N, C-alpha and C. Protein backbone atom coordinates (compact mmCIF):
# COMPACT_ATOMS: atom_id res chain seq x y z
N MET A 1 2.34 0.05 12.42
CA MET A 1 1.94 0.29 11.41
C MET A 1 2.16 -0.90 9.91
N PHE A 2 3.19 -1.50 10.02
CA PHE A 2 4.06 -2.07 8.88
C PHE A 2 4.19 -3.73 9.76
N SER A 3 3.83 -3.76 10.90
CA SER A 3 4.00 -5.06 12.23
C SER A 3 3.70 -6.38 11.49
N HIS A 4 2.99 -6.65 9.55
CA HIS A 4 2.80 -7.73 9.60
C HIS A 4 3.95 -8.26 7.95
N PHE A 5 4.78 -7.24 8.01
CA PHE A 5 5.74 -7.40 7.02
C PHE A 5 7.00 -7.99 7.70
N SER A 6 8.16 -8.67 5.97
CA SER A 6 9.02 -9.39 6.73
C SER A 6 9.77 -8.52 7.12
N LYS A 7 10.94 -9.13 7.25
CA LYS A 7 12.48 -8.48 7.33
C LYS A 7 12.89 -8.25 6.15
N TYR A 8 12.22 -8.69 5.00
CA TYR A 8 12.89 -8.26 3.62
C TYR A 8 12.00 -6.92 2.94
N THR A 9 10.61 -6.89 3.38
CA THR A 9 9.84 -5.94 2.73
C THR A 9 9.24 -4.11 3.89
N LEU A 10 10.42 -4.58 5.16
CA LEU A 10 9.42 -3.55 6.38
C LEU A 10 10.44 -2.43 5.87
N PRO A 11 9.36 -0.76 5.47
CA PRO A 11 10.19 -0.49 5.23
C PRO A 11 11.50 0.58 5.91
N GLU A 12 12.21 0.96 4.88
CA GLU A 12 12.68 1.55 6.08
C GLU A 12 13.38 2.85 5.42
N PRO A 13 12.62 4.22 6.59
CA PRO A 13 12.63 5.52 6.37
C PRO A 13 13.97 5.63 5.94
N THR A 14 15.15 5.63 6.78
CA THR A 14 16.44 6.94 6.44
C THR A 14 16.70 6.26 5.40
N GLN A 15 16.61 4.97 5.01
CA GLN A 15 16.88 4.77 3.79
C GLN A 15 16.28 4.67 2.25
N SER A 16 15.44 5.73 2.70
CA SER A 16 14.51 5.97 1.66
C SER A 16 14.64 7.29 0.57
N ALA A 17 14.03 7.42 -0.42
CA ALA A 17 13.46 8.02 -2.05
C ALA A 17 12.24 8.55 -1.97
N LEU A 18 11.75 9.54 -2.29
CA LEU A 18 10.77 9.77 -2.22
C LEU A 18 10.80 10.28 -4.28
N ILE A 19 9.55 9.16 -4.27
CA ILE A 19 9.42 9.48 -5.68
C ILE A 19 8.19 10.07 -6.20
N THR A 20 7.75 11.24 -6.84
CA THR A 20 6.96 11.53 -7.51
C THR A 20 6.69 10.84 -8.86
N ILE A 21 5.75 11.31 -9.51
CA ILE A 21 4.71 10.37 -10.48
C ILE A 21 3.92 10.93 -11.51
N ASP A 22 4.13 11.99 -12.64
CA ASP A 22 3.50 12.71 -13.51
C ASP A 22 2.32 13.54 -11.99
N LEU A 23 2.77 13.94 -11.93
CA LEU A 23 2.84 15.63 -11.30
C LEU A 23 2.63 16.81 -12.39
N GLN A 24 2.18 16.34 -13.23
CA GLN A 24 2.57 17.82 -14.19
C GLN A 24 1.37 18.98 -14.74
N ASN A 25 1.28 20.13 -14.83
CA ASN A 25 0.41 20.57 -15.07
C ASN A 25 -0.75 20.08 -15.81
N ASP A 26 0.00 19.25 -16.94
CA ASP A 26 -1.57 19.12 -17.95
C ASP A 26 -2.43 17.51 -17.46
N PHE A 27 -1.94 17.61 -16.15
CA PHE A 27 -2.56 16.29 -15.34
C PHE A 27 -3.06 17.15 -14.03
N VAL A 28 -2.87 18.12 -13.27
CA VAL A 28 -3.06 18.91 -12.13
C VAL A 28 -3.86 19.52 -12.43
N LEU A 29 -3.68 21.00 -12.73
CA LEU A 29 -3.97 21.88 -13.10
C LEU A 29 -5.70 22.04 -13.35
N SER A 30 -6.93 22.90 -12.81
CA SER A 30 -7.59 22.94 -13.15
C SER A 30 -7.91 23.47 -15.17
N GLY A 31 -8.36 21.96 -15.69
CA GLY A 31 -8.86 23.05 -16.94
C GLY A 31 -7.95 22.33 -17.92
N ALA A 32 -7.31 22.00 -17.38
CA ALA A 32 -6.10 21.02 -18.35
C ALA A 32 -6.68 19.62 -19.57
N PRO A 33 -5.63 19.49 -19.99
CA PRO A 33 -6.14 18.83 -21.08
C PRO A 33 -6.99 17.29 -20.14
N ALA A 34 -5.63 17.22 -19.61
CA ALA A 34 -6.10 15.50 -18.92
C ALA A 34 -6.03 16.11 -16.75
N GLU A 35 -6.79 16.49 -16.44
CA GLU A 35 -6.49 16.81 -15.49
C GLU A 35 -7.57 15.73 -14.70
N GLY A 36 -7.72 15.52 -13.80
CA GLY A 36 -8.28 14.21 -13.18
C GLY A 36 -8.62 14.38 -11.99
N LYS A 37 -9.75 13.84 -11.16
CA LYS A 37 -9.89 13.97 -9.89
C LYS A 37 -9.09 13.98 -8.59
N GLY A 38 -8.66 14.66 -7.51
CA GLY A 38 -8.27 14.69 -6.70
C GLY A 38 -6.47 14.33 -7.00
N ALA A 39 -6.11 15.41 -8.58
CA ALA A 39 -4.94 15.15 -8.38
C ALA A 39 -4.47 16.56 -7.85
N ALA A 40 -5.09 17.54 -7.95
CA ALA A 40 -5.17 18.78 -7.55
C ALA A 40 -3.90 18.46 -5.56
N ARG A 41 -4.48 17.18 -4.64
CA ARG A 41 -4.84 17.59 -3.43
C ARG A 41 -3.70 16.26 -3.79
N ALA A 42 -3.76 15.58 -4.40
CA ALA A 42 -2.41 14.84 -4.62
C ALA A 42 -1.03 15.17 -4.47
N ALA A 43 -0.56 16.44 -5.77
CA ALA A 43 -0.12 17.13 -5.76
C ALA A 43 0.39 18.18 -4.52
N ALA A 44 -0.53 18.73 -4.13
CA ALA A 44 -0.66 19.29 -2.50
C ALA A 44 0.18 18.74 -1.56
N MET A 45 -0.48 17.38 -1.43
CA MET A 45 0.52 16.67 -0.52
C MET A 45 1.21 16.28 -0.45
N ALA A 46 1.98 15.68 -2.07
CA ALA A 46 3.22 15.44 -2.31
C ALA A 46 4.40 16.25 -1.89
N GLY A 47 3.74 17.94 -2.40
CA GLY A 47 4.67 19.11 -2.15
C GLY A 47 4.97 19.61 -1.22
N GLU A 48 4.06 18.75 -0.05
CA GLU A 48 4.50 18.69 1.69
C GLU A 48 5.66 18.05 1.95
N MET A 49 5.44 16.90 1.52
CA MET A 49 6.62 15.74 1.24
C MET A 49 8.07 15.56 1.04
N VAL A 50 8.01 16.30 0.08
CA VAL A 50 9.18 16.74 -1.21
C VAL A 50 10.07 18.08 -0.40
N ARG A 51 9.22 18.60 0.54
CA ARG A 51 9.66 19.86 1.42
C ARG A 51 10.52 18.93 2.73
N TYR A 52 9.96 18.24 3.16
CA TYR A 52 10.71 17.36 4.52
C TYR A 52 11.79 16.65 3.69
N TYR A 53 11.64 16.16 2.11
CA TYR A 53 12.49 15.30 1.54
C TYR A 53 14.17 16.02 2.09
N ARG A 54 13.71 17.15 0.55
CA ARG A 54 14.78 18.71 0.82
C ARG A 54 15.34 19.00 1.73
N ASN A 55 14.64 19.10 2.71
CA ASN A 55 15.29 19.81 3.79
C ASN A 55 16.32 18.95 4.81
N HIS A 56 15.18 17.84 4.36
CA HIS A 56 16.79 16.79 5.33
C HIS A 56 17.20 15.60 4.19
N GLY A 57 17.59 16.66 3.08
CA GLY A 57 19.18 15.82 2.96
C GLY A 57 18.31 14.27 2.01
N LEU A 58 17.34 14.23 2.06
CA LEU A 58 16.69 12.58 1.33
C LEU A 58 16.80 12.68 -0.02
N PRO A 59 16.99 12.03 -0.87
CA PRO A 59 16.33 11.57 -2.62
C PRO A 59 15.43 11.51 -2.99
N ILE A 60 15.05 12.86 -4.27
CA ILE A 60 14.17 12.85 -4.80
C ILE A 60 14.15 12.64 -6.21
N VAL A 61 13.26 12.18 -6.74
CA VAL A 61 12.76 11.97 -8.15
C VAL A 61 11.93 11.84 -8.62
N HIS A 62 11.38 13.26 -9.27
CA HIS A 62 10.22 13.10 -9.86
C HIS A 62 10.19 13.17 -11.46
N VAL A 63 9.68 12.02 -11.39
CA VAL A 63 9.40 11.25 -12.72
C VAL A 63 8.19 11.92 -13.67
N ILE A 64 8.52 12.08 -14.85
CA ILE A 64 7.40 12.71 -15.74
C ILE A 64 7.19 12.32 -16.77
N ARG A 65 6.35 11.95 -17.60
CA ARG A 65 6.20 12.06 -19.27
C ARG A 65 6.75 13.53 -20.22
N VAL A 66 7.50 13.31 -21.08
CA VAL A 66 7.35 14.45 -22.45
C VAL A 66 7.03 13.51 -23.47
N TYR A 67 6.52 14.10 -23.85
CA TYR A 67 5.67 13.59 -25.46
C TYR A 67 6.40 14.77 -26.69
N SER A 68 6.98 14.17 -27.24
CA SER A 68 7.57 14.87 -28.37
C SER A 68 6.78 14.46 -29.87
N THR A 69 6.54 15.15 -30.72
CA THR A 69 6.45 14.96 -32.15
C THR A 69 7.11 15.20 -33.12
N LYS A 70 8.63 15.42 -33.19
CA LYS A 70 9.25 15.63 -33.80
C LYS A 70 9.59 13.96 -34.50
N ASP A 71 9.23 12.89 -34.31
CA ASP A 71 9.32 11.91 -35.07
C ASP A 71 8.12 11.34 -35.63
N ASN A 72 6.45 12.52 -35.09
CA ASN A 72 5.25 11.16 -35.74
C ASN A 72 4.64 11.08 -34.30
N ALA A 73 4.90 11.18 -33.90
CA ALA A 73 4.79 10.95 -31.88
C ALA A 73 4.66 9.84 -32.16
N SER A 74 5.85 9.16 -32.29
CA SER A 74 6.42 7.22 -31.75
C SER A 74 6.64 7.28 -30.85
N ASN A 75 7.10 8.39 -29.44
CA ASN A 75 6.86 8.24 -28.65
C ASN A 75 6.32 8.34 -27.62
N VAL A 76 4.48 8.33 -28.24
CA VAL A 76 3.57 8.40 -26.77
C VAL A 76 3.02 7.17 -27.32
N ASP A 77 2.63 6.99 -25.85
CA ASP A 77 1.82 5.70 -25.98
C ASP A 77 0.79 5.28 -26.81
N VAL A 78 0.79 3.93 -27.06
CA VAL A 78 -0.07 3.88 -28.55
C VAL A 78 -1.27 4.14 -27.86
N CYS A 79 -1.90 4.13 -27.08
CA CYS A 79 -3.74 4.49 -26.59
C CYS A 79 -3.72 5.70 -26.60
N ARG A 80 -2.78 6.70 -26.73
CA ARG A 80 -2.42 7.98 -27.13
C ARG A 80 -2.29 8.60 -27.88
N ARG A 81 -1.28 7.55 -29.48
CA ARG A 81 -0.57 7.99 -30.09
C ARG A 81 -1.66 8.88 -31.23
N GLU A 82 -3.10 8.69 -31.51
CA GLU A 82 -3.53 8.38 -32.51
C GLU A 82 -4.14 9.96 -31.78
N ALA A 83 -4.46 10.29 -30.37
CA ALA A 83 -5.16 11.93 -30.64
C ALA A 83 -3.44 12.77 -30.05
N VAL A 84 -2.56 12.30 -30.26
CA VAL A 84 -1.86 13.44 -30.54
C VAL A 84 -1.14 13.47 -31.58
N GLU A 85 -1.69 12.42 -32.51
CA GLU A 85 -0.93 12.65 -33.57
C GLU A 85 -2.47 13.67 -34.58
N ASN A 86 -3.48 13.66 -33.92
CA ASN A 86 -4.72 14.43 -34.81
C ASN A 86 -4.84 15.96 -33.22
N GLY A 87 -3.59 16.03 -32.81
CA GLY A 87 -4.07 17.49 -32.48
C GLY A 87 -3.59 17.66 -30.68
N VAL A 88 -4.30 16.82 -29.89
CA VAL A 88 -4.39 17.07 -29.20
C VAL A 88 -2.67 17.22 -28.37
N GLN A 89 -3.15 18.34 -27.56
CA GLN A 89 -1.78 18.95 -26.38
C GLN A 89 -1.61 18.73 -25.45
N LEU A 90 -0.69 17.63 -24.72
CA LEU A 90 -0.75 17.18 -23.90
C LEU A 90 1.16 16.58 -23.28
N VAL A 91 1.35 17.36 -22.31
CA VAL A 91 2.41 16.87 -22.32
C VAL A 91 3.60 17.20 -22.96
N LEU A 92 3.56 17.89 -24.16
CA LEU A 92 4.84 18.06 -24.86
C LEU A 92 5.11 19.23 -24.08
N SER A 93 6.91 18.38 -25.10
CA SER A 93 8.30 19.02 -24.77
C SER A 93 8.35 20.64 -24.87
N GLY A 94 8.71 21.61 -24.79
CA GLY A 94 9.42 22.60 -24.18
C GLY A 94 7.70 23.47 -24.20
N THR A 95 6.24 23.08 -23.26
CA THR A 95 5.54 23.10 -22.87
C THR A 95 5.17 23.12 -21.84
N GLU A 96 3.95 25.03 -21.29
CA GLU A 96 3.90 24.56 -19.61
C GLU A 96 3.17 23.80 -19.07
N GLY A 97 2.21 22.30 -19.51
CA GLY A 97 1.53 21.46 -19.13
C GLY A 97 2.45 20.67 -19.18
N MET A 98 3.97 20.16 -19.71
CA MET A 98 4.74 19.37 -19.71
C MET A 98 5.33 19.81 -18.14
N GLN A 99 5.64 21.02 -17.67
CA GLN A 99 6.45 21.40 -16.02
C GLN A 99 5.06 20.59 -15.18
N PRO A 100 6.57 19.72 -14.44
CA PRO A 100 6.06 19.53 -12.24
C PRO A 100 5.29 20.80 -12.17
N VAL A 101 3.73 19.91 -11.21
CA VAL A 101 3.59 21.18 -10.67
C VAL A 101 4.11 22.46 -9.97
N ALA A 102 3.92 23.46 -9.36
CA ALA A 102 4.45 24.43 -8.34
C ALA A 102 4.59 23.65 -7.28
N ASP A 103 4.23 22.86 -6.76
CA ASP A 103 3.97 22.16 -5.69
C ASP A 103 4.67 21.86 -5.37
N ILE A 104 5.61 21.01 -6.26
CA ILE A 104 6.64 19.65 -6.02
C ILE A 104 8.16 20.14 -6.66
N ILE A 105 8.32 21.77 -7.05
CA ILE A 105 9.31 21.95 -7.69
C ILE A 105 10.10 23.08 -7.09
N PRO A 106 11.13 23.25 -7.10
CA PRO A 106 12.14 24.38 -6.39
C PRO A 106 11.16 25.83 -6.82
N GLU A 107 11.11 26.59 -7.09
CA GLU A 107 10.63 27.89 -8.19
C GLU A 107 12.28 27.75 -8.17
N GLY A 108 11.56 28.61 -9.78
CA GLY A 108 12.51 29.04 -10.56
C GLY A 108 12.81 27.93 -11.40
N VAL A 109 12.78 27.16 -11.20
CA VAL A 109 13.48 25.31 -11.48
C VAL A 109 12.40 25.26 -13.04
N VAL A 110 13.08 24.87 -14.78
CA VAL A 110 12.13 24.89 -15.55
C VAL A 110 12.91 23.13 -15.85
N ALA A 111 11.76 22.27 -16.30
CA ALA A 111 12.37 21.18 -16.78
C ALA A 111 12.93 21.39 -18.54
N ASP A 112 13.74 20.51 -18.38
CA ASP A 112 14.00 20.60 -20.30
C ASP A 112 13.99 19.02 -20.31
N GLY A 113 13.00 19.41 -21.72
CA GLY A 113 12.22 18.35 -21.69
C GLY A 113 13.29 17.89 -22.76
N ASP A 114 14.02 18.52 -23.66
CA ASP A 114 14.86 18.09 -24.46
C ASP A 114 16.13 16.87 -23.98
N LEU A 115 16.81 17.54 -22.74
CA LEU A 115 17.48 17.18 -22.23
C LEU A 115 17.31 15.54 -21.90
N LEU A 116 15.80 15.71 -20.92
CA LEU A 116 15.02 14.82 -20.13
C LEU A 116 14.39 13.34 -21.56
N LEU A 117 13.82 13.61 -22.46
CA LEU A 117 13.97 12.76 -23.93
C LEU A 117 14.94 12.54 -23.95
N THR A 118 16.82 12.35 -23.77
CA THR A 118 17.67 11.68 -24.30
C THR A 118 17.83 10.32 -22.84
N GLY A 119 16.91 10.53 -21.72
CA GLY A 119 17.01 9.45 -21.08
C GLY A 119 18.38 9.86 -19.67
N GLU A 120 18.96 11.29 -19.80
CA GLU A 120 19.90 11.69 -18.82
C GLU A 120 18.58 12.37 -17.48
N PRO A 121 19.14 12.13 -16.11
CA PRO A 121 18.58 12.93 -15.61
C PRO A 121 18.61 14.26 -15.08
N GLN A 122 17.64 14.92 -15.31
CA GLN A 122 17.84 16.53 -14.66
C GLN A 122 18.11 17.09 -13.63
N ARG A 123 19.30 17.01 -12.98
CA ARG A 123 19.45 17.72 -10.98
C ARG A 123 18.99 18.57 -11.40
N ILE A 124 18.58 19.56 -10.00
CA ILE A 124 17.70 20.55 -9.58
C ILE A 124 18.16 20.87 -8.31
N SER A 125 18.17 20.09 -7.72
CA SER A 125 19.43 20.02 -6.28
C SER A 125 19.57 19.35 -5.73
N ALA A 126 20.53 19.42 -4.32
CA ALA A 126 21.92 18.39 -4.47
C ALA A 126 20.92 17.47 -3.77
N ASN A 127 19.74 17.14 -3.88
CA ASN A 127 19.14 15.74 -3.67
C ASN A 127 17.55 15.41 -4.51
N GLU A 128 18.01 16.37 -5.45
CA GLU A 128 16.36 16.01 -6.28
C GLU A 128 17.01 16.17 -7.71
N GLN A 129 16.31 15.34 -8.68
CA GLN A 129 16.02 15.11 -10.19
C GLN A 129 15.07 14.71 -10.29
N ILE A 130 15.06 15.05 -11.48
CA ILE A 130 14.00 15.23 -12.63
C ILE A 130 14.27 13.67 -14.16
N LEU A 131 13.34 12.89 -13.87
CA LEU A 131 14.07 12.10 -14.90
C LEU A 131 12.43 11.93 -15.82
N TRP A 132 12.67 11.66 -17.16
CA TRP A 132 11.34 10.85 -18.29
C TRP A 132 11.52 9.33 -18.29
N LYS A 133 9.79 8.60 -18.70
CA LYS A 133 9.77 7.31 -18.19
C LYS A 133 8.82 7.46 -19.54
N PRO A 134 9.16 6.69 -20.23
CA PRO A 134 8.58 6.67 -21.79
C PRO A 134 7.35 5.88 -21.92
N ARG A 135 7.03 5.23 -20.80
CA ARG A 135 5.94 4.63 -20.27
C ARG A 135 5.08 4.37 -19.09
N TRP A 136 4.17 3.23 -18.71
CA TRP A 136 3.43 3.95 -17.57
C TRP A 136 4.48 4.35 -16.40
N GLY A 137 5.49 3.01 -16.13
CA GLY A 137 6.52 2.61 -15.30
C GLY A 137 7.40 3.17 -14.80
N CYS A 138 8.03 4.12 -13.80
CA CYS A 138 9.02 4.63 -13.82
C CYS A 138 10.36 4.19 -13.78
N PHE A 139 10.55 2.71 -13.48
CA PHE A 139 11.39 1.98 -13.72
C PHE A 139 11.76 1.10 -15.37
N TYR A 140 10.69 1.75 -16.27
CA TYR A 140 10.37 0.80 -17.84
C TYR A 140 11.76 1.55 -18.27
N ASN A 141 12.98 0.81 -18.78
CA ASN A 141 13.73 1.84 -19.76
C ASN A 141 13.83 3.30 -19.18
N THR A 142 14.63 3.46 -17.53
CA THR A 142 14.86 4.19 -17.06
C THR A 142 16.30 3.82 -16.35
N LYS A 143 16.49 5.44 -15.89
CA LYS A 143 17.98 5.13 -15.46
C LYS A 143 17.57 4.83 -14.13
N LEU A 144 15.92 4.91 -13.59
CA LEU A 144 15.37 5.08 -12.14
C LEU A 144 16.12 4.03 -11.03
N ASN A 145 16.75 3.07 -11.29
CA ASN A 145 16.92 1.63 -10.34
C ASN A 145 18.27 2.32 -10.60
N ALA A 146 19.03 2.98 -11.42
CA ALA A 146 20.78 3.13 -10.92
C ALA A 146 21.06 4.46 -10.25
N ILE A 147 19.97 5.21 -10.48
CA ILE A 147 19.99 6.15 -9.77
C ILE A 147 19.97 5.99 -8.25
N LEU A 148 18.49 5.32 -7.71
CA LEU A 148 18.79 5.17 -6.68
C LEU A 148 19.18 3.83 -5.88
N ARG A 149 20.44 3.02 -6.38
CA ARG A 149 21.39 1.67 -5.62
C ARG A 149 22.98 2.86 -5.72
N GLU A 150 22.67 3.65 -6.54
CA GLU A 150 24.17 5.02 -6.57
C GLU A 150 23.87 5.76 -4.76
N GLN A 151 22.58 6.19 -4.16
CA GLN A 151 22.73 6.30 -2.98
C GLN A 151 22.09 5.63 -2.33
N ASN A 152 22.02 4.03 -2.21
CA ASN A 152 22.14 3.26 -1.23
C ASN A 152 20.76 3.45 -0.64
N VAL A 153 19.86 3.53 -1.37
CA VAL A 153 18.19 2.93 -0.71
C VAL A 153 17.55 1.69 -1.61
N ASN A 154 16.94 1.95 -0.57
CA ASN A 154 16.30 0.24 -0.17
C ASN A 154 14.80 0.76 -0.30
N THR A 155 14.24 1.20 -0.28
CA THR A 155 12.69 1.60 0.09
C THR A 155 12.69 3.00 -0.57
N VAL A 156 11.56 3.19 -1.81
CA VAL A 156 10.46 4.06 -1.80
C VAL A 156 8.83 4.03 -1.21
N ALA A 157 9.60 5.26 -1.63
CA ALA A 157 7.81 5.95 -0.85
C ALA A 157 7.59 7.03 -2.51
N ILE A 158 6.25 6.96 -2.51
CA ILE A 158 5.89 7.09 -3.77
C ILE A 158 4.18 7.96 -3.88
N ALA A 159 4.53 8.85 -4.48
CA ALA A 159 3.36 9.64 -4.97
C ALA A 159 3.13 10.30 -5.99
N GLY A 160 1.77 10.09 -6.28
CA GLY A 160 1.42 10.84 -7.90
C GLY A 160 -0.02 10.36 -8.33
N THR A 161 0.39 10.80 -9.55
CA THR A 161 -1.24 10.34 -10.35
C THR A 161 -1.17 9.10 -11.53
N TRP A 162 -1.80 8.75 -12.00
CA TRP A 162 -2.72 8.66 -11.15
C TRP A 162 -2.69 6.34 -10.77
N PHE A 163 -3.52 6.52 -10.11
CA PHE A 163 -3.23 5.00 -9.10
C PHE A 163 -3.15 3.22 -10.18
N ALA A 164 -4.06 4.26 -10.56
CA ALA A 164 -4.30 3.06 -11.58
C ALA A 164 -3.55 2.28 -12.93
N ASN A 165 -2.99 3.51 -13.44
CA ASN A 165 -2.15 3.38 -13.73
C ASN A 165 -0.42 3.58 -13.62
N CYS A 166 -0.23 4.69 -13.52
CA CYS A 166 1.20 4.93 -13.88
C CYS A 166 2.29 4.40 -12.01
N VAL A 167 0.82 5.01 -11.57
CA VAL A 167 1.30 4.70 -9.93
C VAL A 167 1.23 2.85 -9.39
N ARG A 168 0.40 2.76 -10.02
CA ARG A 168 0.13 0.75 -9.35
C ARG A 168 1.68 0.30 -10.34
N THR A 169 1.75 0.40 -11.43
CA THR A 169 2.61 -0.16 -13.11
C THR A 169 4.19 0.30 -11.43
N THR A 170 4.66 1.50 -10.98
CA THR A 170 5.76 1.12 -10.71
C THR A 170 5.61 0.92 -9.17
N ILE A 171 4.92 0.42 -8.51
CA ILE A 171 4.76 -0.43 -6.91
C ILE A 171 5.27 -0.81 -7.52
N TYR A 172 4.62 -2.21 -8.65
CA TYR A 172 4.91 -3.71 -8.56
C TYR A 172 6.81 -3.48 -9.50
N GLU A 173 6.32 -2.70 -10.02
CA GLU A 173 8.43 -3.03 -10.63
C GLU A 173 8.95 -2.41 -9.35
N ALA A 174 9.12 -1.56 -8.65
CA ALA A 174 9.50 -1.53 -7.50
C ALA A 174 9.89 -2.53 -7.03
N THR A 175 8.85 -3.83 -6.48
CA THR A 175 9.04 -4.82 -5.65
C THR A 175 9.76 -5.70 -6.48
N ALA A 176 9.40 -5.54 -8.20
CA ALA A 176 10.42 -6.73 -8.99
C ALA A 176 11.85 -6.59 -8.80
N HIS A 177 12.28 -5.05 -8.45
CA HIS A 177 13.47 -4.49 -8.04
C HIS A 177 13.89 -4.80 -6.24
N ASP A 178 13.05 -5.39 -5.87
CA ASP A 178 13.27 -5.98 -4.54
C ASP A 178 13.11 -4.42 -3.83
N TYR A 179 12.82 -3.31 -4.30
CA TYR A 179 12.50 -2.16 -3.24
C TYR A 179 11.77 -2.40 -2.30
N ARG A 180 11.88 -2.29 -0.83
CA ARG A 180 10.48 -2.11 0.33
C ARG A 180 9.87 -0.64 -0.52
N VAL A 181 8.55 -0.98 -0.20
CA VAL A 181 7.56 0.51 -1.08
C VAL A 181 6.90 0.44 0.29
N VAL A 182 5.96 2.07 0.12
CA VAL A 182 5.36 2.50 0.68
C VAL A 182 4.41 3.78 -0.34
N ALA A 183 3.14 3.12 -0.24
CA ALA A 183 2.27 3.76 -1.29
C ALA A 183 1.61 4.99 -0.43
N LEU A 184 1.91 6.39 -0.44
CA LEU A 184 1.41 7.49 0.57
C LEU A 184 -0.08 7.86 0.07
N ARG A 185 -1.00 7.39 0.94
CA ARG A 185 -1.90 7.61 0.52
C ARG A 185 -3.15 8.52 -0.15
N ASP A 186 -2.35 9.82 0.39
CA ASP A 186 -2.97 11.02 0.49
C ASP A 186 -2.60 11.87 -0.63
N ALA A 187 -1.67 11.62 -1.48
CA ALA A 187 -0.45 11.88 -1.57
C ALA A 187 -0.54 11.38 -2.95
N ILE A 188 -1.47 10.26 -3.80
CA ILE A 188 -1.61 9.77 -4.81
C ILE A 188 -3.29 9.80 -4.80
N ALA A 189 -3.28 10.69 -6.60
CA ALA A 189 -5.32 10.25 -6.72
C ALA A 189 -5.71 9.05 -7.07
N GLY A 190 -6.75 8.82 -7.02
CA GLY A 190 -7.71 8.01 -7.49
C GLY A 190 -7.28 6.74 -6.63
N ILE A 191 -6.48 6.69 -5.69
CA ILE A 191 -5.88 5.11 -4.53
C ILE A 191 -7.24 4.67 -4.76
N HIS A 192 -7.86 3.35 -4.04
CA HIS A 192 -9.12 3.04 -3.46
C HIS A 192 -8.74 1.89 -2.76
N PRO A 193 -9.62 1.64 -1.71
CA PRO A 193 -9.67 0.78 -1.10
C PRO A 193 -9.29 -1.10 -1.68
N GLU A 194 -9.95 -1.23 -2.17
CA GLU A 194 -9.39 -2.16 -2.71
C GLU A 194 -8.07 -2.33 -3.85
N GLY A 195 -7.65 -1.10 -4.30
CA GLY A 195 -6.31 -1.37 -4.58
C GLY A 195 -5.24 -1.28 -3.29
N GLU A 196 -5.50 -1.12 -2.15
CA GLU A 196 -5.11 -1.04 -1.44
C GLU A 196 -4.87 -2.38 -0.39
N ALA A 197 -5.71 -2.51 -0.44
CA ALA A 197 -5.99 -4.52 -0.84
C ALA A 197 -4.78 -5.47 -1.44
N ASP A 198 -5.38 -4.96 -2.18
CA ASP A 198 -3.71 -5.79 -3.72
C ASP A 198 -2.53 -5.13 -3.24
N LEU A 199 -2.18 -4.15 -2.88
CA LEU A 199 -1.05 -3.76 -2.25
C LEU A 199 -0.69 -4.30 -1.26
N ALA A 200 -1.07 -4.96 -0.27
CA ALA A 200 -1.03 -5.37 0.63
C ALA A 200 -0.83 -7.14 0.94
N LYS A 201 -0.88 -7.62 0.04
CA LYS A 201 -0.75 -8.99 -0.54
C LYS A 201 0.84 -8.89 -1.00
N ILE A 202 1.34 -7.90 -1.53
CA ILE A 202 2.84 -7.89 -2.03
C ILE A 202 3.86 -7.05 -1.06
N GLN A 203 3.36 -7.06 0.33
CA GLN A 203 3.54 -6.34 1.61
C GLN A 203 3.86 -4.64 1.05
N CYS A 204 3.58 -4.17 0.33
CA CYS A 204 3.59 -2.71 0.22
C CYS A 204 2.81 -1.65 0.75
N GLY A 205 3.74 -0.75 1.73
CA GLY A 205 2.81 -0.42 2.27
C GLY A 205 1.56 0.59 2.32
N VAL A 206 1.03 1.19 3.18
CA VAL A 206 -0.10 2.57 2.54
C VAL A 206 0.20 2.88 3.67
N CYS A 207 0.50 4.56 4.21
CA CYS A 207 -0.11 5.43 5.26
C CYS A 207 -0.02 6.78 4.42
N ASP A 208 -1.08 7.25 5.11
CA ASP A 208 -0.84 9.13 4.76
C ASP A 208 0.78 9.94 5.14
N CYS A 209 0.53 11.28 4.01
CA CYS A 209 2.08 11.19 4.53
C CYS A 209 1.96 11.46 6.09
N SER A 210 1.19 12.08 6.41
CA SER A 210 2.00 12.34 8.37
C SER A 210 2.01 11.03 9.16
N GLU A 211 2.10 9.95 8.89
CA GLU A 211 2.49 9.03 9.39
C GLU A 211 3.58 7.99 8.53
N TRP A 212 4.15 8.90 7.53
CA TRP A 212 5.62 8.45 7.28
C TRP A 212 6.38 9.53 7.65
N THR A 213 5.90 10.80 7.95
CA THR A 213 6.26 11.68 8.23
C THR A 213 6.40 11.18 9.43
N ALA A 214 6.41 10.79 10.49
CA ALA A 214 6.23 10.51 12.10
C ALA A 214 7.21 9.75 12.13
N LEU A 215 7.18 8.40 11.25
CA LEU A 215 8.30 7.11 11.33
C LEU A 215 9.65 8.13 10.84
N LEU A 216 9.85 9.26 9.67
CA LEU A 216 10.94 9.45 9.76
C LEU A 216 11.42 9.99 10.67
N GLU A 217 11.23 11.09 11.07
CA GLU A 217 10.73 11.44 12.22
C GLU A 217 11.94 11.10 13.25
N ALA A 218 10.96 9.58 13.81
CA ALA A 218 11.34 8.80 14.59
C ALA A 218 12.37 7.45 14.00
N THR A 219 12.82 7.88 13.17
CA THR A 219 13.68 7.20 12.55
C THR A 219 15.05 7.27 12.72
N SER A 220 15.43 8.80 12.29
CA SER A 220 16.11 9.52 12.26
C SER A 220 16.68 10.24 13.15
N ARG A 221 16.31 10.19 14.41
CA ARG A 221 16.60 10.59 15.95
C ARG A 221 17.95 9.97 16.17
N PRO A 222 19.21 10.35 16.98
CA PRO A 222 20.04 9.68 17.59
C PRO A 222 20.26 8.23 19.00
């Protein structure tokens, strides 16, 4: 599947972390303010990968957006700031819409918007954390790189919504930090053949969750 990769880009499943991106109620649930086509299916598939990583003690980082209006919405992206200032309710701290969807989060866990907005991660299980990102990419002005390096991660498997914005930005940021990258096709909303072709040019792997799980199983055997 990744036979054309170099020794520097070939994914190493047992040294991987799963990164979920913006799989939150306001982006995924039916009728939500920013619901997008395919987001619910992507969340469900991501949930299957989360359970695998959780059960096998592999690192998981759920990266989410949290908007605060305490300072006139200055932490909101400029393309959405005016809408939020005018009353659009979108991933606001303390709301249900901000919360990660039930597919990917342990039962009973509540994301702490105020804590996350400080930039500190919220640990929710032995191998799982939630992290806030202020802009599209998960590495921009966050502690994600430090979190991954501390756990000797060299490969990131990415799921989330949407490919055109936060997912693709994060993939390019990950390669800029010299990570080996795998995009989980059926757990990414909005991915398309042209985008996959672009990822191939930077030796980012693209595969379905079942294929990645099979590789994890094969490489973890003694």
